[in-house]
Amino acid sequence: MIEVKNVKICQWMSEETLAFECSVYYKNKRVGYAKNDGKGGCNYIDVPNELYKEMDKWCKDNLPKWGFPEVNSKLHDMDLELHISELVRDFDDEQFLKRQMKNWVLVFDDDCKKGGTWRYSKKTMRARNENEKQLFEDVKDRFHKGKNPILINELPIKKSVSVVYGR
């Protein structure tokens, strides 16, 4: 229902929050843009006011509540600003994993913390394997000794983000 496209992230400007700029889509139609300067402030969301209210209400009515269970049991409604932040974060995580998978075989197992993976160099491993599928099996069967290994490179990118980052 709500999407972000044309996402541009500026890592070097990101201090306390992610510095970004993106187009905002609602019901498959471009309705405006959003940005954050990366200095810890709120997102700037430029969409018509009535549409902003409708999108914010949709977020509250349809997206899961969030909270900090380690602090207290209070849950908060998801709002448009936080939802856009999460969409941009997911985009950034997807791009990061795609870059990593170009040069590494990534394995997630029971010993990995959220955001962490074991990495095996494709360059080093290619000398002993003819194709990528064989390379993945070699890593899984011969090199990786962890419990319940999941080869991240074999998963669709959205599933990869879900496995590695726990969401």
Foldseek 3Di string as FASTA:
>chain_A
DKAWPPKDWDVVQADPATFIKTFIDDPNHGFFIWGDRNPPDFIDTDGPPVVQVVQQVCQQVPPDWDDDVVVHDDTHGDGPRVVVSVNSVLVVQLVVVVVLLVFWFWKDAPPDDAQDTDTDGPVVQCVPDPDDVRSNVCCVPPPDDGHPIDGLSVDDSSVSNCRRRVD
